[in-house]
PDB file of all heavy atoms in Angstrom:
ATOM      1  N   VAL A   1     -43.164 -38.317  -6.252  1.00  0.00           N
ATOM      2  CA  VAL A   1     -42.257 -38.626  -7.363  1.00  0.00           C
ATOM      3  C   VAL A   1     -42.936 -39.691  -8.218  1.00  0.00           C
ATOM      4  O   VAL A   1     -43.817 -40.417  -7.762  1.00  0.00           O
ATOM      5  CB  VAL A   1     -40.867 -39.125  -6.883  1.00  0.00           C
ATOM      6  CG1 VAL A   1     -40.176 -38.093  -6.020  1.00  0.00           C
ATOM      7  CG2 VAL A   1     -40.994 -40.450  -6.147  1.00  0.00           C
ATOM      8  N   SER A   2     -42.517 -39.773  -9.480  1.00  0.00           N
ATOM      9  CA  SER A   2     -43.098 -40.765 -10.376  1.00  0.00           C
ATOM     10  C   SER A   2     -42.522 -42.147 -10.089  1.00  0.00           C
ATOM     11  O   SER A   2     -41.468 -42.286  -9.453  1.00  0.00           O
ATOM     12  CB  SER A   2     -42.801 -40.395 -11.828  1.00  0.00           C
ATOM     13  OG  SER A   2     -41.418 -40.531 -12.096  1.00  0.00           O
ATOM     14  N   LYS A   3     -43.201 -43.170 -10.581  1.00  0.00           N
ATOM     15  CA  LYS A   3     -42.715 -44.533 -10.396  1.00  0.00           C
ATOM     16  C   LYS A   3     -41.371 -44.715 -11.085  1.00  0.00           C
ATOM     17  O   LYS A   3     -40.463 -45.373 -10.553  1.00  0.00           O
ATOM     18  CB  LYS A   3     -43.734 -45.527 -10.946  1.00  0.00           C
ATOM     19  CG  LYS A   3     -43.386 -46.985 -10.639  1.00  0.00           C
ATOM     20  CD  LYS A   3     -44.531 -47.923 -10.992  1.00  0.00           C
ATOM     21  CE  LYS A   3     -44.203 -49.360 -10.562  1.00  0.00           C
ATOM     22  NZ  LYS A   3     -45.346 -50.268 -10.832  1.00  0.00           N
ATOM     23  N   THR A   4     -41.218 -44.125 -12.267  1.00  0.00           N
ATOM     24  CA  THR A   4     -39.950 -44.213 -13.000  1.00  0.00           C
ATOM     25  C   THR A   4     -38.819 -43.586 -12.194  1.00  0.00           C
ATOM     26  O   THR A   4     -37.724 -44.147 -12.090  1.00  0.00           O
ATOM     27  CB  THR A   4     -40.069 -43.509 -14.363  1.00  0.00           C
ATOM     28  OG1 THR A   4     -41.104 -44.141 -15.111  1.00  0.00           O
ATOM     29  CG2 THR A   4     -38.760 -43.569 -15.126  1.00  0.00           C
ATOM     30  N   THR A   5     -39.100 -42.408 -11.612  1.00  0.00           N
ATOM     31  CA  THR A   5     -38.090 -41.727 -10.794  1.00  0.00           C
ATOM     32  C   THR A   5     -37.722 -42.567  -9.577  1.00  0.00           C
ATOM     33  O   THR A   5     -36.542 -42.663  -9.202  1.00  0.00           O
ATOM     34  CB  THR A   5     -38.603 -40.355 -10.343  1.00  0.00           C
ATOM     35  OG1 THR A   5     -38.831 -39.544 -11.494  1.00  0.00           O
ATOM     36  CG2 THR A   5     -37.602 -39.662  -9.424  1.00  0.00           C
ATOM     37  N   ALA A   6     -38.726 -43.174  -8.947  1.00  0.00           N
ATOM     38  CA  ALA A   6     -38.469 -43.990  -7.755  1.00  0.00           C
ATOM     39  C   ALA A   6     -37.594 -45.188  -8.085  1.00  0.00           C
ATOM     40  O   ALA A   6     -36.642 -45.500  -7.351  1.00  0.00           O
ATOM     41  CB  ALA A   6     -39.792 -44.456  -7.146  1.00  0.00           C
ATOM     42  N   ILE A   7     -37.874 -45.852  -9.209  1.00  0.00           N
ATOM     43  CA  ILE A   7     -37.085 -47.023  -9.593  1.00  0.00           C
ATOM     44  C   ILE A   7     -35.663 -46.618  -9.957  1.00  0.00           C
ATOM     45  O   ILE A   7     -34.684 -47.208  -9.480  1.00  0.00           O
ATOM     46  CB  ILE A   7     -37.756 -47.751 -10.771  1.00  0.00           C
ATOM     47  CG1 ILE A   7     -39.088 -48.364 -10.316  1.00  0.00           C
ATOM     48  CG2 ILE A   7     -36.839 -48.838 -11.327  1.00  0.00           C
ATOM     49  CD1 ILE A   7     -39.926 -48.917 -11.439  1.00  0.00           C
ATOM     50  N   ALA A   8     -35.544 -45.592 -10.807  1.00  0.00           N
ATOM     51  CA  ALA A   8     -34.210 -45.141 -11.241  1.00  0.00           C
ATOM     52  C   ALA A   8     -33.410 -44.605 -10.064  1.00  0.00           C
ATOM     53  O   ALA A   8     -32.216 -44.893  -9.922  1.00  0.00           O
ATOM     54  CB  ALA A   8     -34.354 -44.071 -12.317  1.00  0.00           C
ATOM     55  N   GLY A   9     -34.076 -43.841  -9.196  1.00  0.00           N
ATOM     56  CA  GLY A   9     -33.388 -43.270  -8.043  1.00  0.00           C
ATOM     57  C   GLY A   9     -32.889 -44.331  -7.089  1.00  0.00           C
ATOM     58  O   GLY A   9     -31.794 -44.216  -6.531  1.00  0.00           O
ATOM     59  N   THR A  10     -33.675 -45.385  -6.920  1.00  0.00           N
ATOM     60  CA  THR A  10     -33.273 -46.487  -6.048  1.00  0.00           C
ATOM     61  C   THR A  10     -32.045 -47.196  -6.616  1.00  0.00           C
ATOM     62  O   THR A  10     -31.085 -47.497  -5.884  1.00  0.00           O
ATOM     63  CB  THR A  10     -34.426 -47.489  -5.871  1.00  0.00           C
ATOM     64  OG1 THR A  10     -35.538 -46.808  -5.262  1.00  0.00           O
ATOM     65  CG2 THR A  10     -34.009 -48.647  -4.980  1.00  0.00           C
ATOM     66  N   LEU A  11     -32.052 -47.445  -7.916  1.00  0.00           N
ATOM     67  CA  LEU A  11     -30.921 -48.127  -8.559  1.00  0.00           C
ATOM     68  C   LEU A  11     -29.645 -47.303  -8.473  1.00  0.00           C
ATOM     69  O   LEU A  11     -28.552 -47.847  -8.318  1.00  0.00           O
ATOM     70  CB  LEU A  11     -31.259 -48.432 -10.022  1.00  0.00           C
ATOM     71  CG  LEU A  11     -32.344 -49.501 -10.257  1.00  0.00           C
ATOM     72  CD1 LEU A  11     -32.702 -49.558 -11.740  1.00  0.00           C
ATOM     73  CD2 LEU A  11     -31.870 -50.868  -9.757  1.00  0.00           C
ATOM     74  N   LEU A  12     -29.778 -45.980  -8.567  1.00  0.00           N
ATOM     75  CA  LEU A  12     -28.610 -45.092  -8.584  1.00  0.00           C
ATOM     76  C   LEU A  12     -28.297 -44.505  -7.211  1.00  0.00           C
ATOM     77  O   LEU A  12     -27.391 -43.677  -7.082  1.00  0.00           O
ATOM     78  CB  LEU A  12     -28.842 -43.955  -9.582  1.00  0.00           C
ATOM     79  CG  LEU A  12     -28.999 -44.376 -11.043  1.00  0.00           C
ATOM     80  CD1 LEU A  12     -29.419 -43.182 -11.899  1.00  0.00           C
ATOM     81  CD2 LEU A  12     -27.697 -44.986 -11.572  1.00  0.00           C
ATOM     82  N   SER A  13     -29.038 -44.929  -6.186  1.00  0.00           N
ATOM     83  CA  SER A  13     -28.870 -44.417  -4.826  1.00  0.00           C
ATOM     84  C   SER A  13     -29.034 -42.891  -4.769  1.00  0.00           C
ATOM     85  O   SER A  13     -28.284 -42.192  -4.086  1.00  0.00           O
ATOM     86  CB  SER A  13     -27.496 -44.806  -4.251  1.00  0.00           C
ATOM     87  OG  SER A  13     -27.463 -44.571  -2.853  1.00  0.00           O
ATOM     88  N   ILE A  14     -30.047 -42.396  -5.489  1.00  0.00           N
ATOM     89  CA  ILE A  14     -30.362 -40.974  -5.462  1.00  0.00           C
ATOM     90  C   ILE A  14     -31.218 -40.671  -4.237  1.00  0.00           C
ATOM     91  O   ILE A  14     -32.221 -41.343  -3.983  1.00  0.00           O
ATOM     92  CB  ILE A  14     -31.112 -40.542  -6.744  1.00  0.00           C
ATOM     93  CG1 ILE A  14     -30.239 -40.787  -7.984  1.00  0.00           C
ATOM     94  CG2 ILE A  14     -31.536 -39.076  -6.662  1.00  0.00           C
ATOM     95  CD1 ILE A  14     -28.952 -39.997  -8.010  1.00  0.00           C
ATOM     96  N   LYS A  15     -30.833 -39.657  -3.492  1.00  0.00           N
ATOM     97  CA  LYS A  15     -31.566 -39.266  -2.286  1.00  0.00           C
ATOM     98  C   LYS A  15     -32.052 -37.828  -2.443  1.00  0.00           C
ATOM     99  O   LYS A  15     -31.254 -36.913  -2.674  1.00  0.00           O
ATOM    100  CB  LYS A  15     -30.673 -39.361  -1.048  1.00  0.00           C
ATOM    101  CG  LYS A  15     -29.957 -40.698  -0.900  1.00  0.00           C
ATOM    102  CD  LYS A  15     -30.911 -41.861  -0.737  1.00  0.00           C
ATOM    103  CE  LYS A  15     -30.179 -43.183  -0.595  1.00  0.00           C
ATOM    104  NZ  LYS A  15     -31.110 -44.340  -0.573  1.00  0.00           N
ATOM    105  N   PRO A  16     -33.362 -37.609  -2.333  1.00  0.00           N
ATOM    106  CA  PRO A  16     -33.888 -36.247  -2.480  1.00  0.00           C
ATOM    107  C   PRO A  16     -33.645 -35.407  -1.236  1.00  0.00           C
ATOM    108  O   PRO A  16     -33.605 -35.927  -0.120  1.00  0.00           O
ATOM    109  CB  PRO A  16     -35.384 -36.481  -2.694  1.00  0.00           C
ATOM    110  CG  PRO A  16     -35.654 -37.728  -1.918  1.00  0.00           C
ATOM    111  CD  PRO A  16     -34.419 -38.591  -2.080  1.00  0.00           C
ATOM    112  N   ILE A  17     -33.493 -34.108  -1.439  1.00  0.00           N
ATOM    113  CA  ILE A  17     -33.443 -33.140  -0.347  1.00  0.00           C
ATOM    114  C   ILE A  17     -34.733 -32.330  -0.438  1.00  0.00           C
ATOM    115  O   ILE A  17     -35.036 -31.748  -1.482  1.00  0.00           O
ATOM    116  CB  ILE A  17     -32.217 -32.207  -0.464  1.00  0.00           C
ATOM    117  CG1 ILE A  17     -30.919 -33.024  -0.570  1.00  0.00           C
ATOM    118  CG2 ILE A  17     -32.173 -31.248   0.728  1.00  0.00           C
ATOM    119  CD1 ILE A  17     -30.650 -33.937   0.591  1.00  0.00           C
ATOM    120  N   LEU A  18     -35.495 -32.324   0.641  1.00  0.00           N
ATOM    121  CA  LEU A  18     -36.785 -31.650   0.653  1.00  0.00           C
ATOM    122  C   LEU A  18     -36.853 -30.652   1.800  1.00  0.00           C
ATOM    123  O   LEU A  18     -36.086 -30.746   2.766  1.00  0.00           O
ATOM    124  CB  LEU A  18     -37.926 -32.671   0.811  1.00  0.00           C
ATOM    125  CG  LEU A  18     -37.934 -33.873  -0.129  1.00  0.00           C
ATOM    126  CD1 LEU A  18     -37.312 -35.094   0.564  1.00  0.00           C
ATOM    127  CD2 LEU A  18     -39.363 -34.217  -0.552  1.00  0.00           C
ATOM    128  N   HIS A  19     -37.756 -29.687   1.670  1.00  0.00           N
ATOM    129  CA  HIS A  19     -38.008 -28.807   2.809  1.00  0.00           C
ATOM    130  C   HIS A  19     -39.470 -28.382   2.804  1.00  0.00           C
ATOM    131  O   HIS A  19     -40.214 -28.659   1.848  1.00  0.00           O
ATOM    132  CB  HIS A  19     -37.066 -27.600   2.804  1.00  0.00           C
ATOM    133  CG  HIS A  19     -37.503 -26.459   1.936  1.00  0.00           C
ATOM    134  ND1 HIS A  19     -37.485 -25.156   2.356  1.00  0.00           N
ATOM    135  CD2 HIS A  19     -37.977 -26.423   0.669  1.00  0.00           C
ATOM    136  CE1 HIS A  19     -37.919 -24.356   1.396  1.00  0.00           C
ATOM    137  NE2 HIS A  19     -38.218 -25.095   0.359  1.00  0.00           N
ATOM    138  N   VAL A  20     -39.909 -27.752   3.896  1.00  0.00           N
ATOM    139  CA  VAL A  20     -41.253 -27.204   3.992  1.00  0.00           C
ATOM    140  C   VAL A  20     -41.168 -25.730   3.645  1.00  0.00           C
ATOM    141  O   VAL A  20     -40.362 -24.987   4.221  1.00  0.00           O
ATOM    142  CB  VAL A  20     -41.839 -27.420   5.400  1.00  0.00           C
ATOM    143  CG1 VAL A  20     -43.150 -26.650   5.567  1.00  0.00           C
ATOM    144  CG2 VAL A  20     -42.075 -28.902   5.659  1.00  0.00           C
ATOM    145  N   ASP A  21     -41.990 -25.290   2.665  1.00  0.00           N
ATOM    146  CA  ASP A  21     -41.892 -23.918   2.177  1.00  0.00           C
ATOM    147  C   ASP A  21     -42.760 -22.965   2.989  1.00  0.00           C
ATOM    148  O   ASP A  21     -43.350 -23.347   4.013  1.00  0.00           O
ATOM    149  CB  ASP A  21     -42.227 -23.857   0.681  1.00  0.00           C
ATOM    150  CG  ASP A  21     -43.704 -24.151   0.383  1.00  0.00           C
ATOM    151  OD1 ASP A  21     -44.515 -24.272   1.333  1.00  0.00           O
ATOM    152  OD2 ASP A  21     -44.051 -24.248  -0.813  1.00  0.00           O
ATOM    153  N   ASN A  22     -42.850 -21.711   2.547  1.00  0.00           N
ATOM    154  CA  ASN A  22     -43.570 -20.688   3.305  1.00  0.00           C
ATOM    155  C   ASN A  22     -45.068 -20.929   3.383  1.00  0.00           C
ATOM    156  O   ASN A  22     -45.753 -20.340   4.230  1.00  0.00           O
ATOM    157  CB  ASN A  22     -43.317 -19.304   2.698  1.00  0.00           C
ATOM    158  CG  ASN A  22     -41.921 -18.800   2.980  1.00  0.00           C
ATOM    159  OD1 ASN A  22     -41.181 -19.383   3.771  1.00  0.00           O
ATOM    160  ND2 ASN A  22     -41.533 -17.721   2.326  1.00  0.00           N
ATOM    161  N   GLU A  23     -45.590 -21.767   2.500  1.00  0.00           N
ATOM    162  CA  GLU A  23     -47.013 -22.115   2.545  1.00  0.00           C
ATOM    163  C   GLU A  23     -47.255 -23.380   3.355  1.00  0.00           C
ATOM    164  O   GLU A  23     -48.395 -23.846   3.458  1.00  0.00           O
ATOM    165  CB  GLU A  23     -47.556 -22.299   1.122  1.00  0.00           C
ATOM    166  CG  GLU A  23     -47.806 -21.001   0.378  1.00  0.00           C
ATOM    167  CD  GLU A  23     -46.507 -20.319  -0.048  1.00  0.00           C
ATOM    168  OE1 GLU A  23     -45.650 -21.013  -0.634  1.00  0.00           O
ATOM    169  OE2 GLU A  23     -46.348 -19.114   0.237  1.00  0.00           O
ATOM    170  N   GLY A  24     -46.203 -23.955   3.911  1.00  0.00           N
ATOM    171  CA  GLY A  24     -46.343 -25.160   4.716  1.00  0.00           C
ATOM    172  C   GLY A  24     -46.415 -26.428   3.907  1.00  0.00           C
ATOM    173  O   GLY A  24     -46.856 -27.468   4.406  1.00  0.00           O
TER     174      GLY A  24
END
């Protein structure tokens, strides 16, 4: 994620949902 996204996400308590795809 970008630095801007990390800062904004932290301030807004945004939590990403991630997964491992078919290519690993």
